[in-house]
Amino acid sequence: INIQMNYWPTQPTNLSPCHLPMVEY
């Protein structure tokens, strides 16, 4: 649950660039 929850807000709050480190990880 934990690491995924950290990134739940990135897309709906329009912070897509902040999502890329997770995707690359």
PDB file of all heavy atoms in Angstrom:
ATOM      1  N   ILE A   1       0.825  -1.206   0.000  1.00  0.00           N
ATOM      2  CA  ILE A   1       0.000   0.000   0.000  1.00  0.00           C
ATOM      3  C   ILE A   1       0.857   1.254   0.000  1.00  0.00           C
ATOM      4  O   ILE A   1       0.584   2.220  -0.705  1.00  0.00           O
ATOM      5  CB  ILE A   1      -0.999   0.061   1.190  1.00  0.00           C
ATOM      6  CG1 ILE A   1      -1.797   1.376   1.175  1.00  0.00           C
ATOM      7  CG2 ILE A   1      -0.318  -0.098   2.515  1.00  0.00           C
ATOM      8  CD1 ILE A   1      -2.564   1.631  -0.071  1.00  0.00           C
ATOM      9  N   ASN A   2       1.944   1.283   0.781  1.00  0.00           N
ATOM     10  CA  ASN A   2       2.550   2.541   1.206  1.00  0.00           C
ATOM     11  C   ASN A   2       3.189   3.349   0.086  1.00  0.00           C
ATOM     12  O   ASN A   2       2.896   4.537  -0.082  1.00  0.00           O
ATOM     13  CB  ASN A   2       3.562   2.278   2.321  1.00  0.00           C
ATOM     14  CG  ASN A   2       2.983   1.419   3.416  1.00  0.00           C
ATOM     15  OD1 ASN A   2       3.143   0.206   3.391  1.00  0.00           O
ATOM     16  ND2 ASN A   2       2.282   2.014   4.372  1.00  0.00           N
ATOM     17  N   ILE A   3       4.076   2.734  -0.704  1.00  0.00           N
ATOM     18  CA  ILE A   3       4.727   3.518  -1.758  1.00  0.00           C
ATOM     19  C   ILE A   3       3.714   3.935  -2.817  1.00  0.00           C
ATOM     20  O   ILE A   3       3.777   5.042  -3.363  1.00  0.00           O
ATOM     21  CB  ILE A   3       5.907   2.750  -2.397  1.00  0.00           C
ATOM     22  CG1 ILE A   3       6.662   3.682  -3.361  1.00  0.00           C
ATOM     23  CG2 ILE A   3       5.450   1.471  -3.088  1.00  0.00           C
ATOM     24  CD1 ILE A   3       7.957   3.094  -3.896  1.00  0.00           C
ATOM     25  N   GLN A   4       2.735   3.084  -3.104  1.00  0.00           N
ATOM     26  CA  GLN A   4       1.728   3.444  -4.108  1.00  0.00           C
ATOM     27  C   GLN A   4       0.911   4.651  -3.654  1.00  0.00           C
ATOM     28  O   GLN A   4       0.651   5.573  -4.440  1.00  0.00           O
ATOM     29  CB  GLN A   4       0.805   2.255  -4.385  1.00  0.00           C
ATOM     30  CG  GLN A   4       1.487   1.067  -5.037  1.00  0.00           C
ATOM     31  CD  GLN A   4       1.982   0.050  -4.024  1.00  0.00           C
ATOM     32  OE1 GLN A   4       2.257   0.377  -2.866  1.00  0.00           O
ATOM     33  NE2 GLN A   4       2.108  -1.198  -4.456  1.00  0.00           N
ATOM     34  N   MET A   5       0.512   4.653  -2.376  1.00  0.00           N
ATOM     35  CA  MET A   5      -0.306   5.750  -1.866  1.00  0.00           C
ATOM     36  C   MET A   5       0.416   7.086  -1.984  1.00  0.00           C
ATOM     37  O   MET A   5      -0.225   8.124  -2.210  1.00  0.00           O
ATOM     38  CB  MET A   5      -0.703   5.493  -0.412  1.00  0.00           C
ATOM     39  CG  MET A   5      -1.616   6.560   0.175  1.00  0.00           C
ATOM     40  SD  MET A   5      -2.136   6.266   1.884  1.00  0.00           S
ATOM     41  CE  MET A   5      -3.407   5.038   1.654  1.00  0.00           C
ATOM     42  N   ASN A   6       1.744   7.079  -1.840  1.00  0.00           N
ATOM     43  CA  ASN A   6       2.504   8.327  -1.969  1.00  0.00           C
ATOM     44  C   ASN A   6       2.250   9.026  -3.296  1.00  0.00           C
ATOM     45  O   ASN A   6       2.363  10.253  -3.396  1.00  0.00           O
ATOM     46  CB  ASN A   6       4.005   8.049  -1.846  1.00  0.00           C
ATOM     47  CG  ASN A   6       4.423   7.723  -0.436  1.00  0.00           C
ATOM     48  OD1 ASN A   6       3.738   8.065   0.521  1.00  0.00           O
ATOM     49  ND2 ASN A   6       5.552   7.051  -0.297  1.00  0.00           N
ATOM     50  N   TYR A   7       1.925   8.253  -4.324  1.00  0.00           N
ATOM     51  CA  TYR A   7       1.799   8.824  -5.668  1.00  0.00           C
ATOM     52  C   TYR A   7       0.356   8.943  -6.149  1.00  0.00           C
ATOM     53  O   TYR A   7       0.116   9.398  -7.264  1.00  0.00           O
ATOM     54  CB  TYR A   7       2.647   8.003  -6.657  1.00  0.00           C
ATOM     55  CG  TYR A   7       4.117   8.217  -6.407  1.00  0.00           C
ATOM     56  CD1 TYR A   7       4.811   7.432  -5.499  1.00  0.00           C
ATOM     57  CD2 TYR A   7       4.796   9.260  -7.028  1.00  0.00           C
ATOM     58  CE1 TYR A   7       6.155   7.666  -5.233  1.00  0.00           C
ATOM     59  CE2 TYR A   7       6.135   9.506  -6.771  1.00  0.00           C
ATOM     60  CZ  TYR A   7       6.801   8.698  -5.866  1.00  0.00           C
ATOM     61  OH  TYR A   7       8.131   8.944  -5.606  1.00  0.00           O
ATOM     62  N   TRP A   8      -0.607   8.571  -5.320  1.00  0.00           N
ATOM     63  CA  TRP A   8      -2.004   8.719  -5.730  1.00  0.00           C
ATOM     64  C   TRP A   8      -2.376  10.147  -6.112  1.00  0.00           C
ATOM     65  O   TRP A   8      -3.158  10.356  -7.044  1.00  0.00           O
ATOM     66  CB  TRP A   8      -2.933   8.235  -4.615  1.00  0.00           C
ATOM     67  CG  TRP A   8      -2.987   6.751  -4.465  1.00  0.00           C
ATOM     68  CD1 TRP A   8      -2.396   5.801  -5.265  1.00  0.00           C
ATOM     69  CD2 TRP A   8      -3.667   6.020  -3.437  1.00  0.00           C
ATOM     70  NE1 TRP A   8      -2.665   4.549  -4.802  1.00  0.00           N
ATOM     71  CE2 TRP A   8      -3.449   4.644  -3.672  1.00  0.00           C
ATOM     72  CE3 TRP A   8      -4.435   6.402  -2.341  1.00  0.00           C
ATOM     73  CZ2 TRP A   8      -3.986   3.652  -2.853  1.00  0.00           C
ATOM     74  CZ3 TRP A   8      -4.962   5.408  -1.519  1.00  0.00           C
ATOM     75  CH2 TRP A   8      -4.751   4.048  -1.775  1.00  0.00           C
ATOM     76  N   PRO A   9      -1.851  11.181  -5.442  1.00  0.00           N
ATOM     77  CA  PRO A   9      -2.301  12.544  -5.807  1.00  0.00           C
ATOM     78  C   PRO A   9      -1.668  13.096  -7.071  1.00  0.00           C
ATOM     79  O   PRO A   9      -2.143  14.109  -7.587  1.00  0.00           O
ATOM     80  CB  PRO A   9      -1.870  13.406  -4.602  1.00  0.00           C
ATOM     81  CG  PRO A   9      -1.227  12.508  -3.613  1.00  0.00           C
ATOM     82  CD  PRO A   9      -0.947  11.218  -4.273  1.00  0.00           C
ATOM     83  N   THR A  10      -0.587  12.492  -7.562  1.00  0.00           N
ATOM     84  CA  THR A  10       0.200  13.163  -8.604  1.00  0.00           C
ATOM     85  C   THR A  10      -0.607  13.493  -9.852  1.00  0.00           C
ATOM     86  O   THR A  10      -0.504  14.597 -10.384  1.00  0.00           O
ATOM     87  CB  THR A  10       1.427  12.320  -9.001  1.00  0.00           C
ATOM     88  OG1 THR A  10       1.008  10.982  -9.305  1.00  0.00           O
ATOM     89  CG2 THR A  10       2.450  12.292  -7.901  1.00  0.00           C
ATOM     90  N   GLN A  11      -1.401  12.557 -10.331  1.00  0.00           N
ATOM     91  CA  GLN A  11      -2.133  12.804 -11.571  1.00  0.00           C
ATOM     92  C   GLN A  11      -3.359  13.699 -11.386  1.00  0.00           C
ATOM     93  O   GLN A  11      -3.488  14.711 -12.085  1.00  0.00           O
ATOM     94  CB  GLN A  11      -2.510  11.473 -12.238  1.00  0.00           C
ATOM     95  CG  GLN A  11      -1.313  10.646 -12.666  1.00  0.00           C
ATOM     96  CD  GLN A  11      -0.391  11.382 -13.622  1.00  0.00           C
ATOM     97  OE1 GLN A  11      -0.817  12.257 -14.384  1.00  0.00           O
ATOM     98  NE2 GLN A  11       0.885  11.038 -13.589  1.00  0.00           N
ATOM     99  N   PRO A  12      -4.283  13.398 -10.460  1.00  0.00           N
ATOM    100  CA  PRO A  12      -5.468  14.267 -10.336  1.00  0.00           C
ATOM    101  C   PRO A  12      -5.141  15.694  -9.919  1.00  0.00           C
ATOM    102  O   PRO A  12      -5.886  16.615 -10.255  1.00  0.00           O
ATOM    103  CB  PRO A  12      -6.339  13.566  -9.290  1.00  0.00           C
ATOM    104  CG  PRO A  12      -5.441  12.611  -8.592  1.00  0.00           C
ATOM    105  CD  PRO A  12      -4.397  12.214  -9.579  1.00  0.00           C
ATOM    106  N   THR A  13      -4.013  15.911  -9.210  1.00  0.00           N
ATOM    107  CA  THR A  13      -3.645  17.280  -8.833  1.00  0.00           C
ATOM    108  C   THR A  13      -2.702  17.919  -9.853  1.00  0.00           C
ATOM    109  O   THR A  13      -2.130  18.969  -9.593  1.00  0.00           O
ATOM    110  CB  THR A  13      -2.995  17.319  -7.438  1.00  0.00           C
ATOM    111  OG1 THR A  13      -1.788  16.555  -7.448  1.00  0.00           O
ATOM    112  CG2 THR A  13      -3.938  16.784  -6.380  1.00  0.00           C
ATOM    113  N   ASN A  14      -2.553  17.273 -11.017  1.00  0.00           N
ATOM    114  CA  ASN A  14      -1.832  17.853 -12.151  1.00  0.00           C
ATOM    115  C   ASN A  14      -0.336  18.045 -11.858  1.00  0.00           C
ATOM    116  O   ASN A  14       0.253  19.075 -12.175  1.00  0.00           O
ATOM    117  CB  ASN A  14      -2.461  19.192 -12.555  1.00  0.00           C
ATOM    118  CG  ASN A  14      -2.250  19.493 -14.038  1.00  0.00           C
ATOM    119  OD1 ASN A  14      -1.508  18.801 -14.723  1.00  0.00           O
ATOM    120  ND2 ASN A  14      -2.901  20.542 -14.517  1.00  0.00           N
ATOM    121  N   LEU A  15       0.264  17.017 -11.254  1.00  0.00           N
ATOM    122  CA  LEU A  15       1.692  17.038 -10.950  1.00  0.00           C
ATOM    123  C   LEU A  15       2.398  15.858 -11.634  1.00  0.00           C
ATOM    124  O   LEU A  15       3.224  15.172 -11.038  1.00  0.00           O
ATOM    125  CB  LEU A  15       1.917  16.977  -9.439  1.00  0.00           C
ATOM    126  CG  LEU A  15       1.421  18.174  -8.634  1.00  0.00           C
ATOM    127  CD1 LEU A  15       1.517  17.887  -7.137  1.00  0.00           C
ATOM    128  CD2 LEU A  15       2.225  19.422  -8.972  1.00  0.00           C
ATOM    129  N   SER A  16       2.063  15.628 -12.899  1.00  0.00           N
ATOM    130  CA  SER A  16       2.581  14.462 -13.613  1.00  0.00           C
ATOM    131  C   SER A  16       4.099  14.299 -13.555  1.00  0.00           C
ATOM    132  O   SER A  16       4.591  13.178 -13.388  1.00  0.00           O
ATOM    133  CB  SER A  16       2.131  14.501 -15.084  1.00  0.00           C
ATOM    134  OG  SER A  16       0.748  14.237 -15.181  1.00  0.00           O
ATOM    135  N   PRO A  17       4.901  15.361 -13.691  1.00  0.00           N
ATOM    136  CA  PRO A  17       6.355  15.164 -13.629  1.00  0.00           C
ATOM    137  C   PRO A  17       6.818  14.523 -12.324  1.00  0.00           C
ATOM    138  O   PRO A  17       7.831  13.816 -12.298  1.00  0.00           O
ATOM    139  CB  PRO A  17       6.915  16.585 -13.783  1.00  0.00           C
ATOM    140  CG  PRO A  17       5.866  17.325 -14.540  1.00  0.00           C
ATOM    141  CD  PRO A  17       4.566  16.763 -14.031  1.00  0.00           C
ATOM    142  N   CYS A  18       6.069  14.756 -11.241  1.00  0.00           N
ATOM    143  CA  CYS A  18       6.437  14.172  -9.944  1.00  0.00           C
ATOM    144  C   CYS A  18       6.213  12.663  -9.909  1.00  0.00           C
ATOM    145  O   CYS A  18       6.683  11.979  -8.991  1.00  0.00           O
ATOM    146  CB  CYS A  18       5.637  14.827  -8.823  1.00  0.00           C
ATOM    147  SG  CYS A  18       5.983  16.590  -8.613  1.00  0.00           S
ATOM    148  N   HIS A  19       5.502  12.134 -10.899  1.00  0.00           N
ATOM    149  CA  HIS A  19       5.205  10.705 -10.948  1.00  0.00           C
ATOM    150  C   HIS A  19       6.340   9.906 -11.593  1.00  0.00           C
ATOM    151  O   HIS A  19       6.476   8.700 -11.358  1.00  0.00           O
ATOM    152  CB  HIS A  19       3.911  10.490 -11.744  1.00  0.00           C
ATOM    153  CG  HIS A  19       3.125   9.295 -11.306  1.00  0.00           C
ATOM    154  ND1 HIS A  19       1.809   9.111 -11.641  1.00  0.00           N
ATOM    155  CD2 HIS A  19       3.451   8.203 -10.560  1.00  0.00           C
ATOM    156  CE1 HIS A  19       1.367   7.982 -11.132  1.00  0.00           C
ATOM    157  NE2 HIS A  19       2.347   7.405 -10.471  1.00  0.00           N
ATOM    158  N   LEU A  20       7.151  10.567 -12.407  1.00  0.00           N
ATOM    159  CA  LEU A  20       8.156   9.859 -13.197  1.00  0.00           C
ATOM    160  C   LEU A  20       9.208   9.125 -12.368  1.00  0.00           C
ATOM    161  O   LEU A  20       9.620   8.022 -12.756  1.00  0.00           O
ATOM    162  CB  LEU A  20       8.823  10.827 -14.179  1.00  0.00           C
ATOM    163  CG  LEU A  20       7.891  11.347 -15.282  1.00  0.00           C
ATOM    164  CD1 LEU A  20       8.589  12.411 -16.110  1.00  0.00           C
ATOM    165  CD2 LEU A  20       7.425  10.196 -16.175  1.00  0.00           C
ATOM    166  N   PRO A  21       9.681   9.669 -11.227  1.00  0.00           N
ATOM    167  CA  PRO A  21      10.641   8.890 -10.434  1.00  0.00           C
ATOM    168  C   PRO A  21      10.079   7.541  -9.980  1.00  0.00           C
ATOM    169  O   PRO A  21      10.806   6.550  -9.957  1.00  0.00           O
ATOM    170  CB  PRO A  21      10.932   9.809  -9.241  1.00  0.00           C
ATOM    171  CG  PRO A  21      10.681  11.183  -9.755  1.00  0.00           C
ATOM    172  CD  PRO A  21       9.518  11.030 -10.692  1.00  0.00           C
ATOM    173  N   MET A  22       8.806   7.493  -9.635  1.00  0.00           N
ATOM    174  CA  MET A  22       8.185   6.236  -9.234  1.00  0.00           C
ATOM    175  C   MET A  22       8.142   5.263 -10.413  1.00  0.00           C
ATOM    176  O   MET A  22       8.485   4.077 -10.284  1.00  0.00           O
ATOM    177  CB  MET A  22       6.764   6.490  -8.714  1.00  0.00           C
ATOM    178  CG  MET A  22       5.945   5.256  -8.430  1.00  0.00           C
ATOM    179  SD  MET A  22       6.657   4.191  -7.153  1.00  0.00           S
ATOM    180  CE  MET A  22       5.368   2.946  -7.016  1.00  0.00           C
ATOM    181  N   VAL A  23       7.746   5.756 -11.576  1.00  0.00           N
ATOM    182  CA  VAL A  23       7.655   4.905 -12.757  1.00  0.00           C
ATOM    183  C   VAL A  23       9.030   4.331 -13.115  1.00  0.00           C
ATOM    184  O   VAL A  23       9.165   3.140 -13.427  1.00  0.00           O
ATOM    185  CB  VAL A  23       7.065   5.698 -13.943  1.00  0.00           C
ATOM    186  CG1 VAL A  23       7.173   4.905 -15.235  1.00  0.00           C
ATOM    187  CG2 VAL A  23       5.606   6.054 -13.657  1.00  0.00           C
ATOM    188  N   GLU A  24      10.044   5.172 -13.055  1.00  0.00           N
ATOM    189  CA  GLU A  24      11.399   4.710 -13.375  1.00  0.00           C
ATOM    190  C   GLU A  24      11.904   3.733 -12.313  1.00  0.00           C
ATOM    191  O   GLU A  24      12.622   2.782 -12.626  1.00  0.00           O
ATOM    192  CB  GLU A  24      12.343   5.912 -13.494  1.00  0.00           C
ATOM    193  CG  GLU A  24      13.690   5.581 -14.111  1.00  0.00           C
ATOM    194  CD  GLU A  24      13.593   4.939 -15.495  1.00  0.00           C
ATOM    195  OE1 GLU A  24      12.649   5.258 -16.251  1.00  0.00           O
ATOM    196  OE2 GLU A  24      14.449   4.091 -15.794  1.00  0.00           O
ATOM    197  N   TYR A  25      11.513   3.949 -11.071  1.00  0.00           N
ATOM    198  CA  TYR A  25      11.879   3.016 -10.010  1.00  0.00           C
ATOM    199  C   TYR A  25      11.285   1.632 -10.273  1.00  0.00           C
ATOM    200  O   TYR A  25      11.957   0.607 -10.101  1.00  0.00           O
ATOM    201  CB  TYR A  25      11.407   3.542  -8.648  1.00  0.00           C
ATOM    202  CG  TYR A  25      11.614   2.556  -7.518  1.00  0.00           C
ATOM    203  CD1 TYR A  25      12.899   2.226  -7.093  1.00  0.00           C
ATOM    204  CD2 TYR A  25      10.528   1.930  -6.912  1.00  0.00           C
ATOM    205  CE1 TYR A  25      13.092   1.303  -6.068  1.00  0.00           C
ATOM    206  CE2 TYR A  25      10.718   1.017  -5.894  1.00  0.00           C
ATOM    207  CZ  TYR A  25      11.997   0.704  -5.473  1.00  0.00           C
ATOM    208  OH  TYR A  25      12.196  -0.216  -4.477  1.00  0.00           O
TER     209      TYR A  25
END
